[in-house]
Amino acid sequence: MAPPPATFERRVLRSAAGHHYLRVRLELPDGGARPNAAQLKQLVVAALKELHGEVGAALPVDVLTYEEKTLSAILRVVSSGFVKLWSALTLLGFYQNRRCAFRVLQVDISISSRVIWEQ
């Protein structure tokens, strides 16, 4: 007797976490004016709007920390908008008509491991 045919079962595991945290750095190769925390937030919202429209711009994204000297920040986004935020940051190419790039340095679903985030 032949064995029963193999079955395929798709399982999607979703995080129970409400938020994702991203440690990012803005790279401005030609120097110039550096954005402050409010301008960085506007840049993030503009990137979301450019790629995902008004729905993307409405995602709740918070700038938890921002260091203007290194252009590094920790962003918090609802987990359902995590992929949209990462893709929008990745595809952003200009800040005030100058080339720029966001580098995602670290991602986590918890900010409790502060030692890692301080590096």
N, C-alpha and C. Protein backbone atom coordinates (compact mmCIF):
# COMPACT_ATOMS: atom_id res chain seq x y z
N MET A 1 0.82 -1.16 0.00
CA MET A 1 0.00 0.00 0.00
C MET A 1 0.89 1.25 0.00
N ALA A 2 0.53 2.25 -0.78
CA ALA A 2 1.32 3.47 -0.93
C ALA A 2 1.12 4.39 0.28
N PRO A 3 2.18 5.07 0.68
CA PRO A 3 2.04 6.01 1.80
C PRO A 3 1.11 7.17 1.41
N PRO A 4 0.47 7.75 2.38
CA PRO A 4 -0.42 8.88 2.07
C PRO A 4 0.38 10.06 1.52
N PRO A 5 -0.23 10.85 0.66
CA PRO A 5 0.51 11.98 0.09
C PRO A 5 0.89 12.99 1.19
N ALA A 6 2.01 13.63 0.97
CA ALA A 6 2.48 14.63 1.94
C ALA A 6 1.53 15.82 1.96
N THR A 7 1.35 16.35 3.11
CA THR A 7 0.48 17.52 3.22
C THR A 7 1.32 18.74 3.54
N PHE A 8 0.84 19.85 3.11
CA PHE A 8 1.52 21.12 3.33
C PHE A 8 0.71 21.94 4.31
N GLU A 9 1.38 22.43 5.33
CA GLU A 9 0.71 23.27 6.30
C GLU A 9 1.51 24.55 6.49
N ARG A 10 0.87 25.65 6.28
CA ARG A 10 1.54 26.94 6.43
C ARG A 10 1.27 27.47 7.83
N ARG A 11 2.36 27.85 8.51
CA ARG A 11 2.23 28.42 9.84
C ARG A 11 2.89 29.79 9.84
N VAL A 12 2.17 30.76 10.30
CA VAL A 12 2.70 32.11 10.40
C VAL A 12 2.72 32.47 11.87
N LEU A 13 3.90 32.74 12.36
CA LEU A 13 4.05 33.12 13.76
C LEU A 13 4.15 34.63 13.86
N ARG A 14 3.30 35.20 14.62
CA ARG A 14 3.32 36.65 14.80
C ARG A 14 3.75 36.96 16.22
N SER A 15 4.49 38.00 16.33
CA SER A 15 4.96 38.41 17.64
C SER A 15 3.81 38.97 18.46
N ALA A 16 3.80 38.64 19.71
CA ALA A 16 2.78 39.18 20.61
C ALA A 16 3.15 40.59 21.06
N ALA A 17 4.35 41.03 20.69
CA ALA A 17 4.79 42.35 21.10
C ALA A 17 3.98 43.42 20.39
N GLY A 18 3.69 44.48 21.10
CA GLY A 18 2.92 45.57 20.53
C GLY A 18 3.75 46.51 19.68
N HIS A 19 5.06 46.56 19.97
CA HIS A 19 5.94 47.50 19.26
C HIS A 19 7.23 46.82 18.84
N HIS A 20 7.85 47.42 17.83
CA HIS A 20 9.21 47.07 17.44
C HIS A 20 10.07 48.31 17.66
N TYR A 21 11.32 48.09 18.00
CA TYR A 21 12.27 49.18 18.23
C TYR A 21 13.40 49.05 17.22
N LEU A 22 13.74 50.15 16.59
CA LEU A 22 14.82 50.16 15.60
C LEU A 22 15.87 51.18 16.02
N ARG A 23 17.10 50.75 16.04
CA ARG A 23 18.21 51.69 16.23
C ARG A 23 18.71 52.02 14.84
N VAL A 24 18.65 53.29 14.47
CA VAL A 24 19.00 53.70 13.12
C VAL A 24 20.04 54.82 13.16
N ARG A 25 20.71 54.99 12.02
CA ARG A 25 21.65 56.10 11.86
C ARG A 25 21.38 56.72 10.49
N LEU A 26 21.29 58.04 10.46
CA LEU A 26 21.13 58.77 9.21
C LEU A 26 22.51 59.13 8.70
N GLU A 27 22.78 58.78 7.46
CA GLU A 27 24.08 59.10 6.87
C GLU A 27 23.90 60.23 5.87
N LEU A 28 24.65 61.30 6.09
CA LEU A 28 24.67 62.45 5.19
C LEU A 28 26.10 62.61 4.68
N PRO A 29 26.44 62.02 3.53
CA PRO A 29 27.83 61.98 3.09
C PRO A 29 28.43 63.34 2.80
N ASP A 30 27.62 64.34 2.42
CA ASP A 30 28.19 65.63 2.07
C ASP A 30 28.16 66.63 3.22
N GLY A 31 27.89 66.16 4.42
CA GLY A 31 27.87 67.04 5.58
C GLY A 31 26.68 67.99 5.54
N GLY A 32 26.92 69.23 5.90
CA GLY A 32 25.85 70.22 5.88
C GLY A 32 25.05 70.20 7.17
N ALA A 33 23.88 70.83 7.10
CA ALA A 33 23.03 70.95 8.28
C ALA A 33 22.54 69.59 8.74
N ARG A 34 22.54 69.40 10.04
CA ARG A 34 22.07 68.15 10.63
C ARG A 34 20.66 68.37 11.16
N PRO A 35 19.77 67.41 10.95
CA PRO A 35 18.41 67.58 11.46
C PRO A 35 18.36 67.46 12.98
N ASN A 36 17.46 68.22 13.59
CA ASN A 36 17.22 68.04 15.02
C ASN A 36 16.17 66.93 15.17
N ALA A 37 15.76 66.65 16.38
CA ALA A 37 14.84 65.52 16.62
C ALA A 37 13.52 65.71 15.91
N ALA A 38 12.98 66.93 15.92
CA ALA A 38 11.70 67.18 15.25
C ALA A 38 11.83 67.01 13.74
N GLN A 39 12.93 67.47 13.17
CA GLN A 39 13.16 67.33 11.73
C GLN A 39 13.36 65.87 11.35
N LEU A 40 14.01 65.11 12.22
CA LEU A 40 14.18 63.68 11.96
C LEU A 40 12.82 62.99 11.92
N LYS A 41 11.97 63.32 12.88
CA LYS A 41 10.62 62.74 12.90
C LYS A 41 9.86 63.10 11.62
N GLN A 42 9.97 64.36 11.17
CA GLN A 42 9.32 64.78 9.93
C GLN A 42 9.88 64.01 8.74
N LEU A 43 11.17 63.76 8.74
CA LEU A 43 11.80 63.00 7.66
C LEU A 43 11.28 61.57 7.63
N VAL A 44 11.12 60.96 8.78
CA VAL A 44 10.59 59.60 8.86
C VAL A 44 9.15 59.56 8.35
N VAL A 45 8.33 60.51 8.78
CA VAL A 45 6.94 60.57 8.34
C VAL A 45 6.87 60.82 6.84
N ALA A 46 7.74 61.71 6.32
CA ALA A 46 7.77 61.98 4.88
C ALA A 46 8.16 60.73 4.09
N ALA A 47 9.11 59.95 4.62
CA ALA A 47 9.50 58.71 3.95
C ALA A 47 8.35 57.72 3.91
N LEU A 48 7.63 57.61 5.02
CA LEU A 48 6.46 56.72 5.06
C LEU A 48 5.38 57.18 4.08
N LYS A 49 5.16 58.49 4.02
CA LYS A 49 4.13 59.02 3.13
C LYS A 49 4.50 58.82 1.67
N GLU A 50 5.79 59.01 1.35
CA GLU A 50 6.25 58.86 -0.03
C GLU A 50 6.05 57.43 -0.54
N LEU A 51 6.33 56.46 0.31
CA LEU A 51 6.25 55.07 -0.13
C LEU A 51 4.87 54.46 0.08
N HIS A 52 4.21 54.80 1.18
CA HIS A 52 2.96 54.14 1.54
C HIS A 52 1.75 55.07 1.60
N GLY A 53 1.91 56.31 1.18
CA GLY A 53 0.79 57.25 1.14
C GLY A 53 0.35 57.70 2.52
N GLU A 54 -0.88 58.17 2.58
CA GLU A 54 -1.42 58.69 3.84
C GLU A 54 -1.51 57.61 4.91
N VAL A 55 -1.76 56.37 4.50
CA VAL A 55 -1.82 55.27 5.47
C VAL A 55 -0.46 55.11 6.16
N GLY A 56 0.60 55.17 5.38
CA GLY A 56 1.94 55.07 5.96
C GLY A 56 2.27 56.24 6.85
N ALA A 57 1.89 57.44 6.42
CA ALA A 57 2.19 58.63 7.22
C ALA A 57 1.43 58.64 8.54
N ALA A 58 0.33 57.89 8.61
CA ALA A 58 -0.47 57.84 9.83
C ALA A 58 0.04 56.82 10.84
N LEU A 59 1.06 56.03 10.48
CA LEU A 59 1.59 55.04 11.42
C LEU A 59 2.18 55.73 12.65
N PRO A 60 1.86 55.24 13.83
CA PRO A 60 2.44 55.84 15.03
C PRO A 60 3.92 55.44 15.19
N VAL A 61 4.79 56.40 14.92
CA VAL A 61 6.24 56.20 15.06
C VAL A 61 6.73 57.23 16.07
N ASP A 62 7.51 56.78 17.04
CA ASP A 62 8.05 57.68 18.05
C ASP A 62 9.57 57.68 17.97
N VAL A 63 10.16 58.86 18.11
CA VAL A 63 11.61 58.98 18.24
C VAL A 63 11.88 58.99 19.74
N LEU A 64 12.35 57.87 20.26
CA LEU A 64 12.59 57.74 21.70
C LEU A 64 13.86 58.46 22.14
N THR A 65 14.92 58.26 21.38
CA THR A 65 16.18 58.96 21.65
C THR A 65 16.76 59.41 20.33
N TYR A 66 17.48 60.51 20.39
CA TYR A 66 18.16 61.01 19.18
C TYR A 66 19.42 61.72 19.60
N GLU A 67 20.52 61.35 18.97
CA GLU A 67 21.80 61.99 19.24
C GLU A 67 22.22 62.72 17.98
N GLU A 68 22.12 64.03 18.03
CA GLU A 68 22.39 64.84 16.83
C GLU A 68 23.84 64.74 16.38
N LYS A 69 24.75 64.52 17.32
CA LYS A 69 26.17 64.43 16.99
C LYS A 69 26.45 63.24 16.06
N THR A 70 25.84 62.09 16.35
CA THR A 70 26.07 60.89 15.54
C THR A 70 24.94 60.59 14.57
N LEU A 71 23.86 61.40 14.64
CA LEU A 71 22.67 61.20 13.81
C LEU A 71 22.05 59.82 14.05
N SER A 72 22.14 59.34 15.29
CA SER A 72 21.59 58.04 15.66
C SER A 72 20.31 58.22 16.46
N ALA A 73 19.38 57.29 16.26
CA ALA A 73 18.10 57.38 16.96
C ALA A 73 17.57 56.00 17.26
N ILE A 74 16.70 55.94 18.25
CA ILE A 74 15.91 54.73 18.51
C ILE A 74 14.47 55.10 18.21
N LEU A 75 13.89 54.35 17.28
CA LEU A 75 12.51 54.57 16.87
C LEU A 75 11.64 53.45 17.40
N ARG A 76 10.41 53.81 17.76
CA ARG A 76 9.42 52.81 18.18
C ARG A 76 8.25 52.89 17.21
N VAL A 77 7.81 51.73 16.73
CA VAL A 77 6.68 51.66 15.81
C VAL A 77 5.79 50.49 16.22
N VAL A 78 4.49 50.62 15.99
CA VAL A 78 3.61 49.49 16.25
C VAL A 78 4.06 48.33 15.37
N SER A 79 3.95 47.14 15.89
CA SER A 79 4.46 45.97 15.18
C SER A 79 3.83 45.80 13.80
N SER A 80 2.57 46.17 13.66
CA SER A 80 1.92 46.03 12.35
C SER A 80 2.51 46.96 11.30
N GLY A 81 3.22 48.00 11.72
CA GLY A 81 3.83 48.93 10.78
C GLY A 81 5.33 48.79 10.64
N PHE A 82 5.89 47.76 11.27
CA PHE A 82 7.34 47.57 11.28
C PHE A 82 7.93 47.45 9.88
N VAL A 83 7.36 46.60 9.05
CA VAL A 83 7.89 46.38 7.69
C VAL A 83 7.75 47.64 6.86
N LYS A 84 6.64 48.34 7.01
CA LYS A 84 6.44 49.59 6.26
C LYS A 84 7.49 50.63 6.64
N LEU A 85 7.76 50.75 7.94
CA LEU A 85 8.76 51.72 8.38
C LEU A 85 10.14 51.35 7.84
N TRP A 86 10.54 50.11 7.99
CA TRP A 86 11.87 49.69 7.55
C TRP A 86 12.02 49.91 6.04
N SER A 87 11.01 49.54 5.27
CA SER A 87 11.11 49.72 3.82
C SER A 87 11.17 51.20 3.45
N ALA A 88 10.40 52.03 4.12
CA ALA A 88 10.42 53.46 3.82
C ALA A 88 11.77 54.08 4.15
N LEU A 89 12.36 53.68 5.27
CA LEU A 89 13.67 54.20 5.63
C LEU A 89 14.74 53.73 4.64
N THR A 90 14.63 52.49 4.22
CA THR A 90 15.61 51.92 3.30
C THR A 90 15.60 52.64 1.95
N LEU A 91 14.42 53.01 1.48
CA LEU A 91 14.29 53.60 0.15
C LEU A 91 14.42 55.12 0.14
N LEU A 92 14.49 55.75 1.30
CA LEU A 92 14.67 57.19 1.34
C LEU A 92 16.05 57.55 0.82
N GLY A 93 16.14 58.55 -0.06
CA GLY A 93 17.44 58.87 -0.65
C GLY A 93 17.87 60.32 -0.53
N PHE A 94 16.96 61.21 -0.09
CA PHE A 94 17.31 62.62 -0.04
C PHE A 94 16.78 63.28 1.22
N TYR A 95 17.57 64.21 1.76
CA TYR A 95 17.15 65.09 2.85
C TYR A 95 17.55 66.49 2.45
N GLN A 96 16.58 67.39 2.30
CA GLN A 96 16.81 68.77 1.86
C GLN A 96 17.65 68.81 0.59
N ASN A 97 17.24 68.02 -0.39
CA ASN A 97 17.89 67.95 -1.71
C ASN A 97 19.35 67.48 -1.65
N ARG A 98 19.70 66.79 -0.58
CA ARG A 98 21.04 66.19 -0.47
C ARG A 98 20.88 64.70 -0.31
N ARG A 99 21.83 63.96 -0.84
CA ARG A 99 21.81 62.50 -0.71
C ARG A 99 21.87 62.12 0.76
N CYS A 100 21.15 61.07 1.10
CA CYS A 100 21.20 60.55 2.46
C CYS A 100 20.80 59.09 2.44
N ALA A 101 21.03 58.42 3.55
CA ALA A 101 20.63 57.02 3.69
C ALA A 101 20.43 56.72 5.16
N PHE A 102 19.38 55.96 5.45
CA PHE A 102 19.18 55.44 6.80
C PHE A 102 19.80 54.06 6.87
N ARG A 103 20.54 53.80 7.92
CA ARG A 103 21.09 52.48 8.19
C ARG A 103 20.37 51.94 9.42
N VAL A 104 19.75 50.79 9.28
CA VAL A 104 19.12 50.13 10.42
C VAL A 104 20.20 49.30 11.09
N LEU A 105 20.55 49.67 12.31
CA LEU A 105 21.66 49.03 13.01
C LEU A 105 21.21 47.87 13.88
N GLN A 106 19.99 47.97 14.41
CA GLN A 106 19.51 46.93 15.31
C GLN A 106 18.00 46.99 15.38
N VAL A 107 17.38 45.84 15.54
CA VAL A 107 15.93 45.73 15.68
C VAL A 107 15.64 44.80 16.84
N ASP A 108 14.61 45.14 17.61
CA ASP A 108 14.21 44.28 18.72
C ASP A 108 12.74 44.52 19.02
N ILE A 109 12.14 43.59 19.74
CA ILE A 109 10.75 43.77 20.16
C ILE A 109 10.68 44.24 21.60
N SER A 110 11.84 44.43 22.21
CA SER A 110 11.90 44.88 23.60
C SER A 110 13.02 45.89 23.73
N ILE A 111 12.78 46.89 24.51
CA ILE A 111 13.84 47.87 24.76
C ILE A 111 14.46 47.63 26.13
N SER A 112 14.08 46.55 26.77
CA SER A 112 14.57 46.27 28.12
C SER A 112 16.05 45.94 28.16
N SER A 113 16.62 45.48 27.07
CA SER A 113 18.05 45.17 27.05
C SER A 113 18.84 46.44 26.70
N ARG A 114 18.81 47.40 27.60
CA ARG A 114 19.42 48.72 27.36
C ARG A 114 20.92 48.64 27.08
N VAL A 115 21.60 47.65 27.59
CA VAL A 115 23.04 47.54 27.38
C VAL A 115 23.32 47.45 25.88
N ILE A 116 22.56 46.66 25.17
CA ILE A 116 22.75 46.52 23.73
C ILE A 116 22.46 47.83 23.02
N TRP A 117 21.42 48.53 23.44
CA TRP A 117 21.02 49.77 22.78
C TRP A 117 21.99 50.91 23.01
N GLU A 118 22.80 50.82 24.05
CA GLU A 118 23.73 51.90 24.36
C GLU A 118 24.96 51.87 23.47
N GLN A 119 25.23 50.77 22.81
CA GLN A 119 26.48 50.64 22.04
C GLN A 119 26.47 51.50 20.82
